[in-house]
Amino acid sequence: MFQVRIHGRGGQGVVTAAEMLSLAAFVEGEYAQAFPSFGSERTGAPVVSFCRIDDREIRVREPIAEPDAVIIQDPTLLHQVDVFSGLRPDGYVLINTERTFDELGLTEFLSTFSRERILTVPASEFAREHVGRPLPNAALLGGFAAISGLITLASVEAAIRQTFKGAVADGNVAASARAYEYVVDEMKELADA
């Protein structure tokens, strides 16, 4: 079973991100489960959502304590919430930011993980460019498809089109494709270094 925890703030589409990730897994013939966890439901409050993906029925229902991947939609949470709690040593980290790990104050901490599994992607900028609003969820799923190889970009695009319609779907598909390309390029640079 592959387990993903998504951190962000209310209004950023954190819950929708987990739902779209589970839809992408369904498109690929996998079993999936998505659910949120939050306190007072208000814009800007920390929110976490979860997604499990497996090739057989998923019966466990509790929050994910030891994720295989962490997607962080809002980098301001990095020093406010323990977003890396329980992350497996071979886990994936995808952070929505244009800043470097040094600028984020994470270089030393992240040095214990495989560098090619930990990336930043300016997902909010891609969303602003293609959707007109800085909602990073769909773009981050494109980046997650690239870094993990767990799902394909085509499945992410299908999930986006099941969730959104018209121009909003088109913009989110474009943002996810841009993030996918960005992560692929970053991974090539790391491999060549």
N, C-alpha and C. Protein backbone atom coordinates (compact mmCIF):
# COMPACT_ATOMS: atom_id res chain seq x y z
N MET A 1 0.85 -1.18 0.00
CA MET A 1 0.00 0.00 0.00
C MET A 1 0.89 1.24 0.00
N PHE A 2 0.54 2.21 -0.84
CA PHE A 2 1.28 3.47 -0.91
C PHE A 2 0.40 4.53 -0.26
N GLN A 3 0.98 5.28 0.70
CA GLN A 3 0.21 6.24 1.48
C GLN A 3 0.76 7.65 1.30
N VAL A 4 -0.15 8.59 1.01
CA VAL A 4 0.23 9.98 0.75
C VAL A 4 -0.50 10.87 1.74
N ARG A 5 0.26 11.82 2.31
CA ARG A 5 -0.33 12.82 3.19
C ARG A 5 -0.12 14.18 2.53
N ILE A 6 -1.19 14.97 2.45
CA ILE A 6 -1.14 16.28 1.80
C ILE A 6 -1.43 17.34 2.84
N HIS A 7 -0.50 18.29 2.97
CA HIS A 7 -0.65 19.39 3.93
C HIS A 7 -0.88 20.70 3.20
N GLY A 8 -1.75 21.52 3.73
CA GLY A 8 -1.98 22.84 3.16
C GLY A 8 -2.85 23.64 4.09
N ARG A 9 -3.49 24.65 3.53
CA ARG A 9 -4.38 25.51 4.30
C ARG A 9 -5.77 25.48 3.66
N GLY A 10 -6.77 25.74 4.49
CA GLY A 10 -8.14 25.77 4.00
C GLY A 10 -8.26 26.74 2.83
N GLY A 11 -8.90 26.30 1.79
CA GLY A 11 -9.08 27.13 0.60
C GLY A 11 -8.09 26.84 -0.50
N GLN A 12 -7.10 25.99 -0.24
CA GLN A 12 -6.09 25.66 -1.25
C GLN A 12 -6.41 24.39 -2.02
N GLY A 13 -7.51 23.75 -1.72
CA GLY A 13 -7.87 22.52 -2.43
C GLY A 13 -7.15 21.28 -1.93
N VAL A 14 -6.82 21.24 -0.66
CA VAL A 14 -6.11 20.10 -0.08
C VAL A 14 -6.96 18.83 -0.14
N VAL A 15 -8.22 18.96 0.22
CA VAL A 15 -9.13 17.81 0.19
C VAL A 15 -9.36 17.38 -1.26
N THR A 16 -9.55 18.34 -2.14
CA THR A 16 -9.75 18.03 -3.56
C THR A 16 -8.52 17.34 -4.14
N ALA A 17 -7.33 17.72 -3.70
CA ALA A 17 -6.10 17.09 -4.18
C ALA A 17 -6.11 15.59 -3.87
N ALA A 18 -6.45 15.24 -2.65
CA ALA A 18 -6.49 13.81 -2.26
C ALA A 18 -7.56 13.08 -3.06
N GLU A 19 -8.70 13.72 -3.27
CA GLU A 19 -9.77 13.09 -4.05
C GLU A 19 -9.33 12.87 -5.50
N MET A 20 -8.67 13.87 -6.09
CA MET A 20 -8.20 13.71 -7.47
C MET A 20 -7.11 12.65 -7.57
N LEU A 21 -6.24 12.57 -6.56
CA LEU A 21 -5.21 11.54 -6.56
C LEU A 21 -5.85 10.15 -6.52
N SER A 22 -6.88 10.00 -5.70
CA SER A 22 -7.56 8.70 -5.65
C SER A 22 -8.27 8.41 -6.97
N LEU A 23 -8.84 9.41 -7.61
CA LEU A 23 -9.48 9.22 -8.92
C LEU A 23 -8.44 8.78 -9.96
N ALA A 24 -7.27 9.40 -9.92
CA ALA A 24 -6.20 9.02 -10.86
C ALA A 24 -5.81 7.56 -10.67
N ALA A 25 -5.77 7.13 -9.41
CA ALA A 25 -5.45 5.72 -9.14
C ALA A 25 -6.56 4.81 -9.66
N PHE A 26 -7.82 5.21 -9.47
CA PHE A 26 -8.94 4.43 -9.99
C PHE A 26 -8.85 4.29 -11.50
N VAL A 27 -8.48 5.38 -12.18
CA VAL A 27 -8.34 5.36 -13.64
C VAL A 27 -7.33 4.29 -14.05
N GLU A 28 -6.32 4.07 -13.22
CA GLU A 28 -5.28 3.09 -13.53
C GLU A 28 -5.63 1.69 -13.03
N GLY A 29 -6.84 1.53 -12.50
CA GLY A 29 -7.28 0.21 -12.08
C GLY A 29 -6.88 -0.17 -10.67
N GLU A 30 -6.43 0.80 -9.90
CA GLU A 30 -6.02 0.54 -8.51
C GLU A 30 -7.19 0.83 -7.56
N TYR A 31 -7.07 0.34 -6.36
CA TYR A 31 -7.98 0.72 -5.29
C TYR A 31 -7.41 1.98 -4.64
N ALA A 32 -8.29 2.85 -4.20
CA ALA A 32 -7.81 4.08 -3.57
C ALA A 32 -8.83 4.58 -2.56
N GLN A 33 -8.32 5.37 -1.65
CA GLN A 33 -9.15 5.93 -0.58
C GLN A 33 -8.63 7.33 -0.29
N ALA A 34 -9.52 8.28 -0.17
CA ALA A 34 -9.12 9.66 0.16
C ALA A 34 -10.05 10.19 1.25
N PHE A 35 -9.45 10.92 2.21
CA PHE A 35 -10.27 11.53 3.25
C PHE A 35 -9.47 12.66 3.91
N PRO A 36 -10.17 13.66 4.46
CA PRO A 36 -9.51 14.80 5.10
C PRO A 36 -9.49 14.69 6.62
N SER A 37 -8.71 15.59 7.21
CA SER A 37 -8.71 15.77 8.66
C SER A 37 -8.46 17.25 8.91
N PHE A 38 -9.41 17.90 9.56
CA PHE A 38 -9.21 19.31 9.89
C PHE A 38 -10.06 19.67 11.08
N GLY A 39 -9.65 20.76 11.71
CA GLY A 39 -10.37 21.25 12.88
C GLY A 39 -11.46 22.18 12.41
N SER A 40 -11.39 23.42 12.85
CA SER A 40 -12.40 24.39 12.42
C SER A 40 -12.21 24.65 10.94
N GLU A 41 -13.28 24.51 10.19
CA GLU A 41 -13.21 24.62 8.74
C GLU A 41 -13.27 26.10 8.36
N ARG A 42 -12.10 26.70 8.16
CA ARG A 42 -12.06 28.10 7.75
C ARG A 42 -10.88 28.32 6.81
N THR A 43 -11.01 29.28 5.97
CA THR A 43 -9.96 29.61 5.03
C THR A 43 -8.68 29.98 5.79
N GLY A 44 -7.57 29.38 5.39
CA GLY A 44 -6.28 29.68 5.99
C GLY A 44 -5.86 28.77 7.12
N ALA A 45 -6.78 28.00 7.67
CA ALA A 45 -6.44 27.09 8.77
C ALA A 45 -5.70 25.87 8.20
N PRO A 46 -4.75 25.31 8.96
CA PRO A 46 -4.05 24.11 8.49
C PRO A 46 -5.03 22.96 8.24
N VAL A 47 -4.84 22.30 7.11
CA VAL A 47 -5.67 21.16 6.71
C VAL A 47 -4.74 20.05 6.26
N VAL A 48 -5.11 18.82 6.54
CA VAL A 48 -4.35 17.67 6.04
C VAL A 48 -5.35 16.70 5.43
N SER A 49 -4.97 16.13 4.32
CA SER A 49 -5.80 15.09 3.72
C SER A 49 -4.91 13.89 3.40
N PHE A 50 -5.55 12.76 3.21
CA PHE A 50 -4.83 11.51 3.05
C PHE A 50 -5.32 10.76 1.83
N CYS A 51 -4.42 9.99 1.22
CA CYS A 51 -4.79 9.12 0.11
C CYS A 51 -3.99 7.83 0.21
N ARG A 52 -4.69 6.74 0.12
CA ARG A 52 -4.04 5.42 0.08
C ARG A 52 -4.31 4.81 -1.28
N ILE A 53 -3.30 4.13 -1.83
CA ILE A 53 -3.42 3.46 -3.13
C ILE A 53 -2.86 2.06 -2.98
N ASP A 54 -3.61 1.09 -3.50
CA ASP A 54 -3.17 -0.30 -3.41
C ASP A 54 -3.77 -1.10 -4.56
N ASP A 55 -3.23 -2.28 -4.78
CA ASP A 55 -3.76 -3.14 -5.84
C ASP A 55 -4.83 -4.10 -5.31
N ARG A 56 -5.18 -3.92 -4.05
CA ARG A 56 -6.27 -4.71 -3.47
C ARG A 56 -7.11 -3.81 -2.57
N GLU A 57 -8.25 -4.28 -2.17
CA GLU A 57 -9.19 -3.49 -1.38
C GLU A 57 -8.52 -2.94 -0.12
N ILE A 58 -8.83 -1.71 0.21
CA ILE A 58 -8.25 -1.03 1.37
C ILE A 58 -9.28 -1.01 2.48
N ARG A 59 -8.93 -1.59 3.60
CA ARG A 59 -9.87 -1.67 4.71
C ARG A 59 -9.53 -0.72 5.87
N VAL A 60 -8.28 -0.33 5.98
CA VAL A 60 -7.85 0.57 7.06
C VAL A 60 -8.45 1.96 6.82
N ARG A 61 -8.83 2.63 7.90
CA ARG A 61 -9.50 3.93 7.79
C ARG A 61 -8.85 5.05 8.61
N GLU A 62 -7.81 4.75 9.35
CA GLU A 62 -7.26 5.78 10.22
C GLU A 62 -6.33 6.73 9.45
N PRO A 63 -6.05 7.90 10.03
CA PRO A 63 -5.11 8.83 9.40
C PRO A 63 -3.75 8.17 9.15
N ILE A 64 -3.04 8.69 8.20
CA ILE A 64 -1.75 8.13 7.81
C ILE A 64 -0.65 8.69 8.71
N ALA A 65 -0.04 7.82 9.51
CA ALA A 65 1.02 8.23 10.43
C ALA A 65 2.41 8.06 9.82
N GLU A 66 2.55 7.11 8.89
CA GLU A 66 3.85 6.84 8.27
C GLU A 66 3.71 6.89 6.74
N PRO A 67 3.66 8.10 6.19
CA PRO A 67 3.44 8.22 4.75
C PRO A 67 4.64 7.81 3.91
N ASP A 68 4.34 7.35 2.71
CA ASP A 68 5.37 7.09 1.71
C ASP A 68 5.70 8.38 0.96
N ALA A 69 4.77 9.33 1.00
CA ALA A 69 4.96 10.60 0.33
C ALA A 69 4.24 11.70 1.09
N VAL A 70 4.85 12.88 1.06
CA VAL A 70 4.24 14.07 1.65
C VAL A 70 4.22 15.15 0.58
N ILE A 71 3.05 15.72 0.36
CA ILE A 71 2.90 16.84 -0.56
C ILE A 71 2.53 18.05 0.29
N ILE A 72 3.31 19.11 0.17
CA ILE A 72 3.10 20.30 0.99
C ILE A 72 2.68 21.45 0.08
N GLN A 73 1.40 21.81 0.18
CA GLN A 73 0.84 22.84 -0.68
C GLN A 73 1.18 24.24 -0.21
N ASP A 74 1.48 24.41 1.06
CA ASP A 74 1.78 25.73 1.61
C ASP A 74 3.06 25.67 2.43
N PRO A 75 4.16 26.26 1.91
CA PRO A 75 5.44 26.16 2.62
C PRO A 75 5.48 26.89 3.95
N THR A 76 4.49 27.76 4.24
CA THR A 76 4.49 28.42 5.55
C THR A 76 4.21 27.43 6.67
N LEU A 77 3.73 26.24 6.33
CA LEU A 77 3.47 25.22 7.34
C LEU A 77 4.72 24.48 7.78
N LEU A 78 5.81 24.62 7.02
CA LEU A 78 7.02 23.84 7.28
C LEU A 78 7.55 23.97 8.71
N HIS A 79 7.43 25.14 9.28
CA HIS A 79 7.96 25.36 10.63
C HIS A 79 6.83 25.58 11.65
N GLN A 80 5.58 25.29 11.24
CA GLN A 80 4.44 25.43 12.14
C GLN A 80 3.81 24.09 12.48
N VAL A 81 3.87 23.15 11.53
CA VAL A 81 3.26 21.84 11.67
C VAL A 81 4.34 20.81 11.35
N ASP A 82 4.33 19.68 12.03
CA ASP A 82 5.33 18.64 11.75
C ASP A 82 4.91 17.86 10.50
N VAL A 83 5.08 18.50 9.34
CA VAL A 83 4.64 17.91 8.07
C VAL A 83 5.42 16.65 7.71
N PHE A 84 6.62 16.48 8.24
CA PHE A 84 7.44 15.32 7.91
C PHE A 84 7.29 14.18 8.92
N SER A 85 6.40 14.32 9.88
CA SER A 85 6.21 13.31 10.91
C SER A 85 5.95 11.94 10.30
N GLY A 86 6.76 10.95 10.70
CA GLY A 86 6.57 9.58 10.27
C GLY A 86 6.99 9.27 8.85
N LEU A 87 7.49 10.25 8.11
CA LEU A 87 7.87 10.02 6.71
C LEU A 87 8.93 8.93 6.64
N ARG A 88 8.68 7.97 5.79
CA ARG A 88 9.62 6.86 5.62
C ARG A 88 10.95 7.38 5.07
N PRO A 89 12.07 6.77 5.43
CA PRO A 89 13.39 7.23 4.97
C PRO A 89 13.53 7.23 3.44
N ASP A 90 12.78 6.37 2.77
CA ASP A 90 12.83 6.33 1.30
C ASP A 90 11.63 7.06 0.70
N GLY A 91 11.01 7.94 1.49
CA GLY A 91 9.80 8.62 1.07
C GLY A 91 10.04 9.76 0.09
N TYR A 92 8.95 10.23 -0.46
CA TYR A 92 8.95 11.35 -1.41
C TYR A 92 8.44 12.60 -0.72
N VAL A 93 9.03 13.75 -1.10
CA VAL A 93 8.57 15.04 -0.60
C VAL A 93 8.45 15.97 -1.80
N LEU A 94 7.31 16.61 -1.91
CA LEU A 94 7.08 17.60 -2.95
C LEU A 94 6.54 18.85 -2.27
N ILE A 95 7.27 19.97 -2.41
CA ILE A 95 6.90 21.20 -1.73
C ILE A 95 6.58 22.27 -2.77
N ASN A 96 5.45 22.93 -2.60
CA ASN A 96 5.03 24.02 -3.47
C ASN A 96 5.77 25.30 -3.07
N THR A 97 6.84 25.60 -3.79
CA THR A 97 7.60 26.82 -3.53
C THR A 97 8.61 27.06 -4.64
N GLU A 98 9.01 28.31 -4.76
CA GLU A 98 10.10 28.66 -5.68
C GLU A 98 11.42 28.77 -4.91
N ARG A 99 11.36 28.67 -3.60
CA ARG A 99 12.55 28.83 -2.76
C ARG A 99 13.37 27.55 -2.72
N THR A 100 14.65 27.68 -2.40
CA THR A 100 15.54 26.54 -2.27
C THR A 100 15.39 25.93 -0.88
N PHE A 101 15.93 24.72 -0.71
CA PHE A 101 15.88 24.09 0.61
C PHE A 101 16.68 24.90 1.63
N ASP A 102 17.78 25.53 1.19
CA ASP A 102 18.53 26.42 2.09
C ASP A 102 17.65 27.56 2.56
N GLU A 103 16.96 28.19 1.63
CA GLU A 103 16.09 29.32 1.98
C GLU A 103 14.94 28.89 2.89
N LEU A 104 14.52 27.66 2.75
CA LEU A 104 13.44 27.13 3.59
C LEU A 104 13.94 26.64 4.94
N GLY A 105 15.27 26.56 5.12
CA GLY A 105 15.85 26.07 6.36
C GLY A 105 15.74 24.57 6.51
N LEU A 106 15.75 23.84 5.40
CA LEU A 106 15.54 22.39 5.43
C LEU A 106 16.73 21.57 4.95
N THR A 107 17.80 22.20 4.54
CA THR A 107 18.91 21.47 3.93
C THR A 107 19.43 20.36 4.83
N GLU A 108 19.71 20.67 6.08
CA GLU A 108 20.26 19.66 6.99
C GLU A 108 19.28 18.53 7.23
N PHE A 109 18.03 18.86 7.49
CA PHE A 109 17.02 17.85 7.76
C PHE A 109 16.83 16.92 6.55
N LEU A 110 16.70 17.49 5.38
CA LEU A 110 16.42 16.70 4.18
C LEU A 110 17.63 15.93 3.68
N SER A 111 18.82 16.22 4.21
CA SER A 111 20.02 15.51 3.77
C SER A 111 19.99 14.03 4.14
N THR A 112 19.09 13.64 5.03
CA THR A 112 18.98 12.25 5.42
C THR A 112 18.10 11.44 4.46
N PHE A 113 17.49 12.11 3.48
CA PHE A 113 16.61 11.46 2.52
C PHE A 113 17.29 11.40 1.15
N SER A 114 16.79 10.56 0.27
CA SER A 114 17.30 10.46 -1.10
C SER A 114 16.97 11.76 -1.84
N ARG A 115 18.00 12.45 -2.30
CA ARG A 115 17.82 13.77 -2.90
C ARG A 115 16.89 13.75 -4.12
N GLU A 116 16.92 12.67 -4.90
CA GLU A 116 16.08 12.63 -6.09
C GLU A 116 14.60 12.41 -5.77
N ARG A 117 14.29 12.19 -4.50
CA ARG A 117 12.90 11.99 -4.09
C ARG A 117 12.34 13.21 -3.36
N ILE A 118 13.12 14.29 -3.32
CA ILE A 118 12.69 15.48 -2.60
C ILE A 118 12.88 16.68 -3.50
N LEU A 119 11.78 17.30 -3.88
CA LEU A 119 11.85 18.42 -4.82
C LEU A 119 10.88 19.53 -4.43
N THR A 120 11.19 20.71 -4.93
CA THR A 120 10.26 21.82 -4.86
C THR A 120 9.75 22.08 -6.28
N VAL A 121 8.56 22.61 -6.36
CA VAL A 121 7.95 22.95 -7.65
C VAL A 121 7.08 24.20 -7.43
N PRO A 122 7.20 25.21 -8.29
CA PRO A 122 6.40 26.42 -8.13
C PRO A 122 4.96 26.23 -8.61
N ALA A 123 4.24 25.35 -7.97
CA ALA A 123 2.90 24.97 -8.41
C ALA A 123 1.91 26.13 -8.38
N SER A 124 2.02 26.99 -7.38
CA SER A 124 1.11 28.15 -7.32
C SER A 124 1.31 29.05 -8.53
N GLU A 125 2.55 29.22 -8.94
CA GLU A 125 2.82 30.05 -10.12
C GLU A 125 2.28 29.41 -11.38
N PHE A 126 2.43 28.09 -11.51
CA PHE A 126 1.87 27.40 -12.68
C PHE A 126 0.35 27.53 -12.69
N ALA A 127 -0.27 27.42 -11.53
CA ALA A 127 -1.73 27.56 -11.44
C ALA A 127 -2.15 28.99 -11.77
N ARG A 128 -1.43 29.98 -11.26
CA ARG A 128 -1.76 31.37 -11.56
C ARG A 128 -1.67 31.62 -13.07
N GLU A 129 -0.64 31.07 -13.68
CA GLU A 129 -0.43 31.24 -15.12
C GLU A 129 -1.53 30.57 -15.95
N HIS A 130 -1.95 29.37 -15.56
CA HIS A 130 -2.88 28.60 -16.39
C HIS A 130 -4.34 28.64 -15.94
N VAL A 131 -4.56 28.87 -14.64
CA VAL A 131 -5.93 28.88 -14.11
C VAL A 131 -6.37 30.29 -13.74
N GLY A 132 -5.40 31.16 -13.48
CA GLY A 132 -5.74 32.52 -13.07
C GLY A 132 -5.81 32.71 -11.57
N ARG A 133 -5.61 31.63 -10.82
CA ARG A 133 -5.62 31.68 -9.36
C ARG A 133 -4.50 30.80 -8.84
N PRO A 134 -3.88 31.17 -7.71
CA PRO A 134 -2.74 30.38 -7.19
C PRO A 134 -3.15 29.15 -6.39
N LEU A 135 -3.99 28.29 -6.95
CA LEU A 135 -4.41 27.07 -6.28
C LEU A 135 -3.53 25.92 -6.78
N PRO A 136 -2.61 25.43 -5.94
CA PRO A 136 -1.56 24.53 -6.39
C PRO A 136 -1.92 23.05 -6.49
N ASN A 137 -3.11 22.65 -6.10
CA ASN A 137 -3.40 21.22 -5.94
C ASN A 137 -3.22 20.41 -7.22
N ALA A 138 -3.81 20.81 -8.32
CA ALA A 138 -3.72 20.03 -9.56
C ALA A 138 -2.30 20.02 -10.10
N ALA A 139 -1.63 21.16 -10.03
CA ALA A 139 -0.25 21.22 -10.50
C ALA A 139 0.64 20.28 -9.69
N LEU A 140 0.45 20.25 -8.38
CA LEU A 140 1.25 19.37 -7.54
C LEU A 140 1.02 17.90 -7.87
N LEU A 141 -0.19 17.55 -8.28
CA LEU A 141 -0.44 16.16 -8.65
C LEU A 141 0.33 15.79 -9.92
N GLY A 142 0.46 16.73 -10.85
CA GLY A 142 1.31 16.49 -12.02
C GLY A 142 2.75 16.27 -11.60
N GLY A 143 3.24 17.10 -10.68
CA GLY A 143 4.59 16.93 -10.16
C GLY A 143 4.75 15.62 -9.42
N PHE A 144 3.74 15.23 -8.67
CA PHE A 144 3.79 13.96 -7.94
C PHE A 144 3.86 12.77 -8.91
N ALA A 145 3.11 12.84 -9.99
CA ALA A 145 3.16 11.77 -11.00
C ALA A 145 4.58 11.62 -11.53
N ALA A 146 5.25 12.74 -11.76
CA ALA A 146 6.62 12.70 -12.30
C ALA A 146 7.62 12.16 -11.28
N ILE A 147 7.56 12.63 -10.05
CA ILE A 147 8.57 12.25 -9.06
C ILE A 147 8.38 10.81 -8.58
N SER A 148 7.14 10.35 -8.49
CA SER A 148 6.89 9.02 -7.91
C SER A 148 6.76 7.92 -8.95
N GLY A 149 6.23 8.24 -10.11
CA GLY A 149 5.95 7.21 -11.11
C GLY A 149 4.79 6.31 -10.70
N LEU A 150 4.11 6.65 -9.63
CA LEU A 150 3.01 5.85 -9.10
C LEU A 150 1.78 5.92 -10.00
N ILE A 151 1.54 7.09 -10.56
CA ILE A 151 0.43 7.32 -11.48
C ILE A 151 0.97 8.03 -12.70
N THR A 152 0.21 8.02 -13.77
CA THR A 152 0.65 8.70 -14.98
C THR A 152 0.04 10.09 -15.06
N LEU A 153 0.65 10.93 -15.89
CA LEU A 153 0.10 12.26 -16.12
C LEU A 153 -1.28 12.14 -16.77
N ALA A 154 -1.47 11.17 -17.65
CA ALA A 154 -2.77 10.98 -18.30
C ALA A 154 -3.86 10.68 -17.27
N SER A 155 -3.53 9.92 -16.24
CA SER A 155 -4.50 9.62 -15.18
C SER A 155 -4.81 10.86 -14.35
N VAL A 156 -3.79 11.66 -14.08
CA VAL A 156 -4.01 12.92 -13.36
C VAL A 156 -4.94 13.82 -14.18
N GLU A 157 -4.68 13.92 -15.47
CA GLU A 157 -5.52 14.75 -16.33
C GLU A 157 -6.95 14.24 -16.36
N ALA A 158 -7.15 12.93 -16.41
CA ALA A 158 -8.49 12.35 -16.39
C ALA A 158 -9.20 12.68 -15.08
N ALA A 159 -8.47 12.60 -13.97
CA ALA A 159 -9.05 12.93 -12.66
C ALA A 159 -9.44 14.40 -12.58
N ILE A 160 -8.59 15.27 -13.12
CA ILE A 160 -8.90 16.70 -13.14
C ILE A 160 -10.18 16.94 -13.94
N ARG A 161 -10.29 16.29 -15.08
CA ARG A 161 -11.48 16.49 -15.94
C ARG A 161 -12.74 15.89 -15.32
N GLN A 162 -12.60 14.92 -14.42
CA GLN A 162 -13.77 14.40 -13.70
C GLN A 162 -14.18 15.35 -12.58
N THR A 163 -13.22 16.13 -12.09
CA THR A 163 -13.48 17.03 -10.96
C THR A 163 -13.93 18.41 -11.41
N PHE A 164 -13.32 18.92 -12.47
CA PHE A 164 -13.62 20.26 -12.97
C PHE A 164 -14.15 20.19 -14.40
N LYS A 165 -14.76 21.24 -14.84
CA LYS A 165 -15.31 21.30 -16.20
C LYS A 165 -14.81 22.57 -16.92
N GLY A 166 -14.89 22.54 -18.23
CA GLY A 166 -14.62 23.71 -19.06
C GLY A 166 -13.23 24.28 -18.91
N ALA A 167 -13.18 25.61 -18.86
CA ALA A 167 -11.91 26.33 -18.81
C ALA A 167 -11.13 26.02 -17.53
N VAL A 168 -11.83 25.78 -16.43
CA VAL A 168 -11.15 25.46 -15.17
C VAL A 168 -10.42 24.12 -15.32
N ALA A 169 -11.07 23.15 -15.92
CA ALA A 169 -10.42 21.85 -16.15
C ALA A 169 -9.23 22.02 -17.08
N ASP A 170 -9.42 22.75 -18.17
CA ASP A 170 -8.33 22.97 -19.14
C ASP A 170 -7.13 23.63 -18.48
N GLY A 171 -7.38 24.65 -17.68
CA GLY A 171 -6.29 25.35 -17.00
C GLY A 171 -5.55 24.46 -16.02
N ASN A 172 -6.30 23.67 -15.25
CA ASN A 172 -5.67 22.76 -14.29
C ASN A 172 -4.90 21.65 -14.98
N VAL A 173 -5.40 21.16 -16.11
CA VAL A 173 -4.67 20.15 -16.88
C VAL A 173 -3.35 20.75 -17.37
N ALA A 174 -3.40 21.99 -17.87
CA ALA A 174 -2.18 22.65 -18.34
C ALA A 174 -1.19 22.87 -17.20
N ALA A 175 -1.69 23.27 -16.02
CA ALA A 175 -0.81 23.49 -14.87
C ALA A 175 -0.18 22.17 -14.41
N SER A 176 -0.94 21.09 -14.42
CA SER A 176 -0.39 19.81 -14.01
C SER A 176 0.66 19.32 -15.00
N ALA A 177 0.42 19.54 -16.29
CA ALA A 177 1.40 19.15 -17.30
C ALA A 177 2.68 19.97 -17.16
N ARG A 178 2.53 21.25 -16.86
CA ARG A 178 3.71 22.11 -16.68
C ARG A 178 4.52 21.66 -15.47
N ALA A 179 3.84 21.32 -14.37
CA ALA A 179 4.54 20.85 -13.17
C ALA A 179 5.21 19.50 -13.44
N TYR A 180 4.56 18.64 -14.19
CA TYR A 180 5.15 17.35 -14.55
C TYR A 180 6.46 17.57 -15.30
N GLU A 181 6.42 18.42 -16.32
CA GLU A 181 7.63 18.72 -17.10
C GLU A 181 8.73 19.32 -16.23
N TYR A 182 8.34 20.22 -15.34
CA TYR A 182 9.30 20.87 -14.44
C TYR A 182 10.01 19.83 -13.57
N VAL A 183 9.25 18.91 -12.98
CA VAL A 183 9.83 17.89 -12.11
C VAL A 183 10.71 16.94 -12.91
N VAL A 184 10.28 16.55 -14.09
CA VAL A 184 11.11 15.69 -14.94
C VAL A 184 12.44 16.37 -15.23
N ASP A 185 12.42 17.66 -15.55
CA ASP A 185 13.66 18.41 -15.81
C ASP A 185 14.54 18.48 -14.58
N GLU A 186 13.94 18.72 -13.41
CA GLU A 186 14.69 18.78 -12.16
C GLU A 186 15.35 17.44 -11.85
N MET A 187 14.63 16.37 -12.09
CA MET A 187 15.17 15.04 -11.82
C MET A 187 16.32 14.72 -12.77
N LYS A 188 16.24 15.16 -14.01
CA LYS A 188 17.35 14.97 -14.96
C LYS A 188 18.59 15.73 -14.50
N GLU A 189 18.38 16.96 -14.04
CA GLU A 189 19.52 17.76 -13.53
C GLU A 189 20.18 17.07 -12.35
N LEU A 190 19.39 16.52 -11.45
CA LEU A 190 19.95 15.81 -10.27
C LEU A 190 20.72 14.57 -10.72
N ALA A 191 20.19 13.85 -11.70
CA ALA A 191 20.85 12.64 -12.18
C ALA A 191 22.18 12.97 -12.87
N ASP A 192 22.24 14.12 -13.54
CA ASP A 192 23.45 14.54 -14.25
C ASP A 192 24.50 15.15 -13.34
N ALA A 193 24.07 15.56 -12.14
CA ALA A 193 25.00 16.25 -11.22
C ALA A 193 25.99 15.30 -10.59
